[in-house]
Amino acid sequence: MKIAVIGSGYVGLVSGTCFSESGNKVTCVDIDEEKVASLKSGKVPIYEPGLSTIFRRNQSAGRLKFTSDLAEAIENAQVIFLALPTPPDEDGSADLKFILDVSENLSRLIKEYKVIVSKSTVPVGTAEKIEEILGRKLNKDLFDVVSNPEFLREGVAVADFLRPDRIVVGTESEKARKIMDDLYKPFVRQGNPIYFMDQRSAEMTKYAANSYLATRISFMNEVANLCDLVGANVDSVRLGMGSDTRIGKRFLFPGVGYGGSCFPKDVQALAKTAQNNNYDFKILNSVMKVNDLQKRKAFKKLKDVYKTDLKNKTIGIWGLSFKPNTDDIREAPSLYLLEDLLSEGTSIKVFDPEAMNNVKELFGDQLEYSTSYLNACTRVDALVIMTEWSVFRNPDFSFLLENIEDKIIFDGRNLYDPVEMKQMGFTYYSIGRPV
């Protein structure tokens, strides 16, 4: 099948590459000509495990191409995916400018039947807005608009796309349904379902799923904070909860809050949708409030421990990306910690396996960028762990003892055993576990 993917950001690039891996001919289009030139040269602009391998394989085979010419990209495509950004507007709602502008352009270019697929995360009713724009210039028999939300987890996005838990397709057109079913059959050969539903339900499914997962995270962070106060161990609580099949084990790990490109804006957008419909979504408003407070937890603990200002302290930080196995720092808890420490005049050493270049673009020479995780804790007063990269799980603790002046570690991801850390001589703080 011939496919066009409009937008070569995270979702567009992963989707286009994975579609080409199943034998489709894919053309990705982007208005950024410099980015297109870089992609044509074989450079993958994001870090995502496994992506570069299949990217280069399919580019070499001629199944994956890039262009800045929209007309060229869609000319022979049967299916056109819209994988465009929907950043939060000033009021918290999703900004649909890019999607609606591209829809207007498509209405002038389409000459034969196409399936237009909204892959972006969009508010309920967006597919109908796309239909309305296309219908101003096109006969209805020249297009169908489908909602097909993505459920990709950064760090395992390639595996998620090639072996999805489920695929959600919103359409009431039998013709579009058949095309989408044929397109996705290679990805569900093991029996995972394709759920066909109306467009509005598909759009709501994406927001509801991400908002629920964010709710689980904030709930467990609240439980962990209470464990700190009453002397309970959140690890034990988590295991006791997770063994209940009605609850399950996933997304029960407390930490320093969620970040990334999806959860923060999706929770905010769903809450805004509720507000626009005169509904007070109390749970989501609380989820956002809890998360905002949790992102400041590491800084608050440092202030509590040192009692005075942090101006004359040097703090080492392990982990800058919002989660491991990605270089994405959007809404990362580490950014909040960096801003707070810099406002105090603190000296900061940082290390992250993939995200340091992105952080450097924001903070420049205000930080010291270390070449290894051990260098980041050389001659520091305390160490803070913000992201649970695998390389941090079994460090040289004797080196840490020798180099962390005050022997203080704040572990925002609960990587180590509190008893063992105390026995080694550290003053160790984690989330919801007794010191």
Protein backbone atom coordinates (compact mmCIF):
# COMPACT_ATOMS: atom_id res chain seq x y z
CA MET A 1 0.00 0.00 0.00
CA LYS A 2 1.18 3.55 -0.71
CA ILE A 3 1.09 5.82 2.32
CA ALA A 4 1.83 9.48 3.00
CA VAL A 5 2.69 10.63 6.52
CA ILE A 6 2.41 14.36 7.08
CA GLY A 7 4.72 15.39 9.89
CA SER A 8 8.02 13.69 10.67
CA GLY A 9 8.14 14.28 14.39
CA TYR A 10 8.18 11.46 16.91
CA VAL A 11 4.85 9.86 15.97
CA GLY A 12 5.18 10.49 12.25
CA LEU A 13 8.71 9.16 11.95
CA VAL A 14 8.06 6.02 14.01
CA SER A 15 4.76 5.34 12.22
CA GLY A 16 6.15 5.90 8.74
CA THR A 17 9.22 3.78 9.38
CA CYS A 18 7.23 0.92 10.88
CA PHE A 19 4.67 0.97 8.07
CA SER A 20 7.52 0.67 5.56
CA GLU A 21 8.88 -2.29 7.54
CA SER A 22 5.72 -4.25 6.66
CA GLY A 23 6.26 -3.68 2.93
CA ASN A 24 4.33 -0.46 2.34
CA LYS A 25 5.77 2.39 0.30
CA VAL A 26 5.84 5.40 2.60
CA THR A 27 6.56 9.05 1.90
CA CYS A 28 6.98 11.31 4.92
CA VAL A 29 6.51 15.02 4.34
CA ASP A 30 7.67 17.90 6.53
CA ILE A 31 7.81 21.67 5.98
CA ASP A 32 11.27 21.83 7.59
CA GLU A 33 13.52 21.45 4.55
CA GLU A 34 16.66 21.16 6.66
CA LYS A 35 15.10 18.29 8.58
CA VAL A 36 14.01 16.61 5.35
CA ALA A 37 17.53 16.88 3.96
CA SER A 38 18.92 15.34 7.14
CA LEU A 39 16.43 12.47 6.99
CA LYS A 40 17.26 11.86 3.34
CA SER A 41 20.92 11.57 4.31
CA GLY A 42 20.01 8.78 6.75
CA LYS A 43 20.19 10.71 10.00
CA VAL A 44 17.53 9.83 12.59
CA PRO A 45 16.83 12.99 14.65
CA ILE A 46 15.49 11.25 17.76
CA TYR A 47 16.81 8.52 20.02
CA GLU A 48 14.46 5.55 20.03
CA PRO A 49 15.81 2.00 20.47
CA GLY A 50 15.60 -0.02 17.24
CA LEU A 51 14.38 2.84 15.07
CA SER A 52 17.62 3.65 13.24
CA THR A 53 18.07 0.03 12.13
CA ILE A 54 14.71 -0.34 10.38
CA PHE A 55 14.87 3.28 9.20
CA ARG A 56 18.05 2.65 7.24
CA ARG A 57 16.93 -0.77 6.03
CA ASN A 58 13.72 0.55 4.51
CA GLN A 59 15.30 3.73 3.19
CA SER A 60 17.89 1.62 1.38
CA ALA A 61 15.13 -0.60 -0.01
CA GLY A 62 13.32 2.45 -1.40
CA ARG A 63 10.23 1.94 0.76
CA LEU A 64 10.81 5.01 2.96
CA LYS A 65 11.20 8.44 1.39
CA PHE A 66 11.11 12.05 2.55
CA THR A 67 10.02 15.27 0.93
CA SER A 68 8.92 18.81 1.71
CA ASP A 69 6.46 18.80 -1.20
CA LEU A 70 2.96 17.94 0.05
CA ALA A 71 1.55 17.43 -3.45
CA GLU A 72 4.31 14.98 -4.30
CA ALA A 73 3.80 13.04 -1.07
CA ILE A 74 0.06 12.50 -1.47
CA GLU A 75 -0.22 12.12 -5.23
CA ASN A 76 -0.33 8.33 -5.32
CA ALA A 77 -1.04 7.64 -1.66
CA GLN A 78 -4.14 5.63 -0.76
CA VAL A 79 -3.87 6.59 2.90
CA ILE A 80 -2.70 9.93 4.30
CA PHE A 81 -1.73 10.07 7.97
CA LEU A 82 -1.80 13.37 9.83
CA ALA A 83 0.94 13.13 12.45
CA LEU A 84 1.13 16.79 13.35
CA PRO A 85 1.80 18.51 16.68
CA THR A 86 -1.13 19.57 18.87
CA PRO A 87 0.61 21.66 21.55
CA PRO A 88 -1.33 23.10 24.48
CA ASP A 89 -2.92 26.46 23.76
CA GLU A 90 -2.80 29.24 26.35
CA ASP A 91 -6.03 27.98 27.93
CA GLY A 92 -4.83 24.35 28.09
CA SER A 93 -6.81 23.11 25.10
CA ALA A 94 -5.07 21.38 22.19
CA ASP A 95 -4.01 23.76 19.42
CA LEU A 96 -5.31 22.33 16.14
CA LYS A 97 -3.79 24.97 13.87
CA PHE A 98 -1.36 22.62 12.10
CA ILE A 99 -3.96 19.93 11.48
CA LEU A 100 -6.61 22.33 10.20
CA ASP A 101 -4.12 24.18 7.96
CA VAL A 102 -2.94 20.92 6.39
CA SER A 103 -6.57 19.84 5.91
CA GLU A 104 -7.18 23.06 4.00
CA ASN A 105 -4.15 22.35 1.79
CA LEU A 106 -5.31 18.78 1.17
CA SER A 107 -8.71 20.01 0.04
CA ARG A 108 -6.99 21.77 -2.87
CA LEU A 109 -4.75 18.83 -3.81
CA ILE A 110 -6.87 15.66 -3.61
CA LYS A 111 -8.07 14.45 -7.02
CA GLU A 112 -9.04 10.84 -6.23
CA TYR A 113 -10.32 8.90 -3.22
CA LYS A 114 -8.08 9.02 -0.13
CA VAL A 115 -8.41 7.92 3.46
CA ILE A 116 -7.31 10.80 5.69
CA VAL A 117 -6.19 9.41 9.05
CA SER A 118 -5.84 11.57 12.14
CA LYS A 119 -2.90 10.01 14.01
CA SER A 120 -2.33 13.03 16.24
CA THR A 121 -3.86 13.22 19.70
CA VAL A 122 -6.84 15.51 19.19
CA PRO A 123 -9.96 16.58 21.10
CA VAL A 124 -13.30 14.92 20.51
CA GLY A 125 -14.89 16.30 17.34
CA THR A 126 -11.64 17.00 15.45
CA ALA A 127 -12.31 14.41 12.74
CA GLU A 128 -15.57 16.19 11.99
CA LYS A 129 -13.74 19.50 11.70
CA ILE A 130 -11.34 17.92 9.20
CA GLU A 131 -14.31 16.54 7.24
CA GLU A 132 -15.95 19.96 7.20
CA ILE A 133 -12.81 21.64 5.84
CA LEU A 134 -12.25 18.97 3.18
CA GLY A 135 -15.91 19.05 2.22
CA ARG A 136 -15.81 22.72 1.29
CA LYS A 137 -13.87 21.92 -1.88
CA LEU A 138 -14.18 18.15 -2.32
CA ASN A 139 -17.06 15.82 -3.09
CA LYS A 140 -17.72 13.42 -0.21
CA ASP A 141 -16.87 10.41 -2.39
CA LEU A 142 -13.25 11.60 -2.67
CA PHE A 143 -12.34 11.10 0.98
CA ASP A 144 -13.06 9.50 4.31
CA VAL A 145 -11.66 10.82 7.59
CA VAL A 146 -10.57 8.24 10.15
CA SER A 147 -9.46 8.67 13.74
CA ASN A 148 -6.58 6.30 14.56
CA PRO A 149 -4.87 7.37 17.80
CA GLU A 150 -1.38 6.15 18.61
CA PHE A 151 -0.45 4.37 21.84
CA LEU A 152 3.33 4.46 21.54
CA ARG A 153 5.50 4.48 24.65
CA GLU A 154 8.74 6.36 24.18
CA GLY A 155 11.64 4.00 24.64
CA VAL A 156 9.71 1.01 23.27
CA ALA A 157 7.79 2.72 20.47
CA VAL A 158 9.05 0.47 17.67
CA ALA A 159 7.97 -2.67 19.54
CA ASP A 160 4.65 -1.04 20.42
CA PHE A 161 3.95 -0.25 16.77
CA LEU A 162 5.06 -3.58 15.33
CA ARG A 163 3.33 -5.62 18.06
CA PRO A 164 0.51 -3.44 19.42
CA ASP A 165 -1.73 -4.37 22.36
CA ARG A 166 -4.63 -3.11 20.30
CA ILE A 167 -5.42 -0.79 17.41
CA VAL A 168 -8.26 1.72 17.63
CA VAL A 169 -9.90 2.92 14.42
CA GLY A 170 -12.71 5.43 14.35
CA THR A 171 -14.78 5.33 11.17
CA GLU A 172 -18.31 4.58 10.04
CA SER A 173 -17.28 4.11 6.41
CA GLU A 174 -17.11 0.49 5.27
CA LYS A 175 -14.70 1.44 2.50
CA ALA A 176 -12.29 3.12 4.92
CA ARG A 177 -12.72 0.30 7.42
CA LYS A 178 -11.63 -2.28 4.82
CA ILE A 179 -8.54 -0.26 3.88
CA MET A 180 -7.52 0.25 7.51
CA ASP A 181 -8.11 -3.42 8.29
CA ASP A 182 -5.87 -4.46 5.38
CA LEU A 183 -3.20 -1.97 6.43
CA TYR A 184 -3.02 -3.19 10.03
CA LYS A 185 -3.47 -6.94 9.54
CA PRO A 186 0.30 -7.62 9.41
CA PHE A 187 0.67 -6.07 12.87
CA VAL A 188 -1.99 -8.16 14.62
CA ARG A 189 -1.26 -11.65 13.32
CA GLN A 190 -0.91 -12.94 16.89
CA GLY A 191 -4.52 -12.10 17.55
CA ASN A 192 -4.45 -8.71 19.23
CA PRO A 193 -7.63 -6.80 18.40
CA ILE A 194 -8.49 -3.99 16.03
CA TYR A 195 -11.35 -2.06 17.60
CA PHE A 196 -13.55 -0.26 15.12
CA MET A 197 -15.78 2.46 16.53
CA ASP A 198 -17.10 5.91 15.73
CA GLN A 199 -14.66 8.79 15.38
CA ARG A 200 -15.59 10.57 18.61
CA SER A 201 -15.17 7.43 20.68
CA ALA A 202 -11.74 6.78 19.13
CA GLU A 203 -10.63 10.32 19.94
CA MET A 204 -11.89 9.99 23.51
CA THR A 205 -10.19 6.60 23.94
CA LYS A 206 -6.73 8.13 23.52
CA TYR A 207 -7.33 10.88 26.07
CA ALA A 208 -9.04 8.55 28.51
CA ALA A 209 -6.22 5.99 28.35
CA ASN A 210 -3.42 8.48 28.94
CA SER A 211 -5.34 10.35 31.62
CA TYR A 212 -6.06 7.12 33.49
CA LEU A 213 -2.38 6.12 33.43
CA ALA A 214 -1.41 9.57 34.66
CA THR A 215 -4.01 9.19 37.41
CA ARG A 216 -2.43 5.92 38.56
CA ILE A 217 0.96 7.60 38.76
CA SER A 218 -0.33 10.55 40.76
CA PHE A 219 -2.31 8.26 43.04
CA MET A 220 0.75 6.19 43.86
CA ASN A 221 2.78 9.35 44.45
CA GLU A 222 0.15 10.43 46.97
CA VAL A 223 0.26 7.00 48.62
CA ALA A 224 4.07 7.20 48.77
CA ASN A 225 3.95 10.67 50.33
CA LEU A 226 1.57 9.39 52.98
CA CYS A 227 3.82 6.34 53.57
CA ASP A 228 6.62 8.78 54.38
CA LEU A 229 4.46 10.34 57.07
CA VAL A 230 3.10 7.18 58.67
CA GLY A 231 6.21 4.98 58.38
CA ALA A 232 4.86 2.50 55.82
CA ASN A 233 6.90 1.16 52.89
CA VAL A 234 5.38 1.95 49.50
CA ASP A 235 7.23 -0.96 47.89
CA SER A 236 5.32 -3.38 50.10
CA VAL A 237 2.09 -1.50 49.50
CA ARG A 238 2.67 -1.55 45.74
CA LEU A 239 3.22 -5.32 45.71
CA GLY A 240 0.15 -5.92 47.83
CA MET A 241 -1.98 -3.76 45.55
CA GLY A 242 -0.57 -5.01 42.27
CA SER A 243 -1.28 -8.66 43.03
CA ASP A 244 -4.99 -7.85 42.86
CA THR A 245 -6.00 -8.75 39.30
CA ARG A 246 -8.52 -5.91 39.32
CA ILE A 247 -5.65 -3.44 39.76
CA GLY A 248 -2.60 -4.99 38.09
CA LYS A 249 1.10 -4.31 38.57
CA ARG A 250 1.83 -1.62 36.02
CA PHE A 251 2.08 2.14 36.63
CA LEU A 252 2.26 1.69 40.41
CA PHE A 253 5.83 2.91 40.84
CA PRO A 254 6.07 6.21 42.72
CA GLY A 255 8.60 8.84 41.74
CA VAL A 256 9.15 12.52 41.04
CA GLY A 257 6.17 12.92 38.72
CA TYR A 258 5.32 12.18 35.11
CA GLY A 259 6.51 14.20 32.12
CA GLY A 260 6.93 13.76 28.38
CA SER A 261 5.00 14.88 25.35
CA CYS A 262 1.76 13.00 26.07
CA PHE A 263 0.58 12.73 29.66
CA PRO A 264 0.87 16.41 30.69
CA LYS A 265 -0.83 17.86 27.62
CA ASP A 266 -3.40 15.07 27.27
CA VAL A 267 -4.59 15.33 30.87
CA GLN A 268 -4.75 19.10 30.50
CA ALA A 269 -6.63 18.88 27.20
CA LEU A 270 -9.20 16.40 28.51
CA ALA A 271 -9.81 18.58 31.56
CA LYS A 272 -10.28 21.54 29.21
CA THR A 273 -12.72 19.55 27.08
CA ALA A 274 -14.71 18.80 30.22
CA GLN A 275 -14.67 22.48 31.18
CA ASN A 276 -15.87 23.49 27.71
CA ASN A 277 -18.79 21.13 28.20
CA ASN A 278 -19.63 22.55 31.65
CA TYR A 279 -18.28 19.50 33.47
CA ASP A 280 -15.87 19.77 36.40
CA PHE A 281 -13.50 16.80 36.00
CA LYS A 282 -12.32 16.90 39.61
CA ILE A 283 -10.04 13.87 39.41
CA LEU A 284 -8.01 15.23 36.50
CA ASN A 285 -7.61 18.62 38.14
CA SER A 286 -6.23 16.85 41.22
CA VAL A 287 -3.94 14.66 39.09
CA MET A 288 -2.33 17.76 37.57
CA LYS A 289 -1.96 19.46 40.95
CA VAL A 290 -0.35 16.39 42.52
CA ASN A 291 2.06 16.04 39.61
CA ASP A 292 3.12 19.68 39.76
CA LEU A 293 3.94 19.29 43.46
CA GLN A 294 5.72 15.96 42.95
CA LYS A 295 8.10 17.47 40.40
CA ARG A 296 9.36 19.81 43.12
CA LYS A 297 9.89 17.01 45.67
CA ALA A 298 13.63 16.58 45.10
CA PHE A 299 14.29 20.29 45.52
CA LYS A 300 12.11 20.48 48.62
CA LYS A 301 14.01 17.56 50.18
CA LEU A 302 17.36 19.24 49.49
CA LYS A 303 16.11 22.44 51.10
CA ASP A 304 14.83 20.52 54.11
CA VAL A 305 18.10 18.62 54.54
CA TYR A 306 20.44 21.59 54.25
CA LYS A 307 18.19 23.99 56.20
CA THR A 308 19.89 26.99 54.59
CA ASP A 309 20.16 28.17 51.00
CA LEU A 310 21.96 26.03 48.44
CA LYS A 311 24.18 28.74 47.00
CA ASN A 312 27.45 27.23 48.15
CA LYS A 313 26.51 23.64 47.33
CA THR A 314 27.33 21.49 44.31
CA ILE A 315 24.67 18.96 43.36
CA GLY A 316 25.13 16.03 40.99
CA ILE A 317 22.12 14.92 38.93
CA TRP A 318 21.73 11.57 37.21
CA GLY A 319 19.06 11.49 34.52
CA LEU A 320 17.56 14.36 32.54
CA SER A 321 15.11 12.73 30.12
CA PHE A 322 11.56 12.30 31.40
CA LYS A 323 12.00 8.51 31.25
CA PRO A 324 14.80 6.09 30.28
CA ASN A 325 15.56 5.04 26.69
CA THR A 326 14.65 8.38 25.16
CA ASP A 327 16.27 11.79 24.72
CA ASP A 328 12.94 13.54 25.21
CA ILE A 329 13.02 16.19 27.94
CA ARG A 330 9.58 17.70 27.39
CA GLU A 331 8.02 18.39 30.81
CA ALA A 332 10.78 16.28 32.41
CA PRO A 333 10.87 16.57 36.23
CA SER A 334 14.61 17.22 35.95
CA LEU A 335 13.95 20.57 34.29
CA TYR A 336 12.01 21.78 37.32
CA LEU A 337 14.82 20.73 39.63
CA LEU A 338 17.42 22.47 37.46
CA GLU A 339 15.43 25.71 37.41
CA ASP A 340 14.94 25.65 41.19
CA LEU A 341 18.59 24.93 41.91
CA LEU A 342 19.82 27.59 39.50
CA SER A 343 17.52 30.13 41.15
CA GLU A 344 19.39 29.36 44.40
CA GLY A 345 22.78 29.84 42.76
CA THR A 346 23.67 26.15 43.16
CA SER A 347 26.48 24.60 41.12
CA ILE A 348 25.18 21.61 39.16
CA LYS A 349 26.82 18.63 37.47
CA VAL A 350 24.61 16.51 35.22
CA PHE A 351 24.75 13.26 33.29
CA ASP A 352 22.25 11.53 31.01
CA PRO A 353 23.08 8.86 28.40
CA GLU A 354 21.06 10.58 25.65
CA ALA A 355 19.41 13.84 26.69
CA MET A 356 22.32 16.17 27.53
CA ASN A 357 22.39 17.91 24.14
CA ASN A 358 18.71 18.76 24.46
CA VAL A 359 19.24 20.10 27.97
CA LYS A 360 22.26 22.12 26.82
CA GLU A 361 20.06 23.87 24.26
CA LEU A 362 17.92 25.14 27.17
CA PHE A 363 20.50 25.83 29.88
CA GLY A 364 23.73 26.39 27.99
CA ASP A 365 26.82 26.79 30.17
CA GLN A 366 24.84 27.20 33.39
CA LEU A 367 25.45 23.48 34.00
CA GLU A 368 28.51 21.25 33.98
CA TYR A 369 27.91 18.37 31.55
CA SER A 370 29.73 15.23 32.64
CA THR A 371 31.14 12.58 30.35
CA SER A 372 30.03 9.73 32.63
CA TYR A 373 27.68 9.16 35.52
CA LEU A 374 30.63 8.82 37.89
CA ASN A 375 32.09 12.16 36.78
CA ALA A 376 28.75 13.77 37.61
CA CYS A 377 29.20 12.88 41.28
CA THR A 378 32.86 13.81 41.61
CA ARG A 379 33.34 16.52 44.25
CA VAL A 380 29.63 17.12 44.82
CA ASP A 381 27.83 17.65 48.12
CA ALA A 382 24.85 15.46 47.21
CA LEU A 383 23.51 13.32 44.36
CA VAL A 384 19.96 13.34 42.97
CA ILE A 385 18.61 10.58 40.69
CA MET A 386 15.80 11.79 38.41
CA THR A 387 15.59 9.11 35.68
CA GLU A 388 15.89 5.32 36.09
CA TRP A 389 18.40 4.57 33.32
CA SER A 390 19.79 1.04 33.61
CA VAL A 391 23.35 2.33 33.93
CA PHE A 392 22.44 3.85 37.32
CA ARG A 393 21.17 0.61 38.85
CA ASN A 394 24.51 -0.90 39.90
CA PRO A 395 27.00 1.94 40.32
CA ASP A 396 30.38 1.83 42.08
CA PHE A 397 29.12 2.67 45.56
CA SER A 398 32.63 2.90 47.01
CA PHE A 399 33.39 5.62 44.45
CA LEU A 400 30.20 7.44 45.44
CA LEU A 401 31.15 7.29 49.13
CA GLU A 402 34.56 8.77 48.40
CA ASN A 403 33.29 11.55 46.15
CA ILE A 404 29.93 12.69 47.53
CA GLU A 405 31.00 15.06 50.28
CA ASP A 406 27.90 14.79 52.49
CA LYS A 407 27.12 11.16 51.53
CA ILE A 408 23.57 12.28 50.65
CA ILE A 409 21.61 10.62 47.84
CA PHE A 410 18.05 11.57 46.94
CA ASP A 411 16.70 8.75 44.79
CA GLY A 412 13.66 9.98 42.91
CA ARG A 413 13.13 6.57 41.27
CA ASN A 414 13.64 4.15 44.21
CA LEU A 415 16.49 2.27 42.58
CA TYR A 416 18.29 1.07 45.72
CA ASP A 417 17.47 -0.70 48.97
CA PRO A 418 17.26 1.82 51.84
CA VAL A 419 18.69 -0.62 54.43
CA GLU A 420 21.70 -1.49 52.27
CA MET A 421 22.35 2.18 51.52
CA LYS A 422 22.34 3.02 55.23
CA GLN A 423 24.68 0.12 55.99
CA MET A 424 27.13 1.41 53.36
CA GLY A 425 27.19 4.81 55.04
CA PHE A 426 24.88 6.91 52.89
CA THR A 427 22.18 9.29 54.05
CA TYR A 428 19.61 7.99 51.61
CA TYR A 429 16.21 9.45 50.77
CA SER A 430 13.72 7.86 48.39
CA ILE A 431 9.98 8.09 47.68
CA GLY A 432 7.65 6.56 50.27
CA ARG A 433 10.14 4.23 51.95
CA PRO A 434 11.46 4.46 55.53
CA VAL A 435 14.91 6.03 55.92
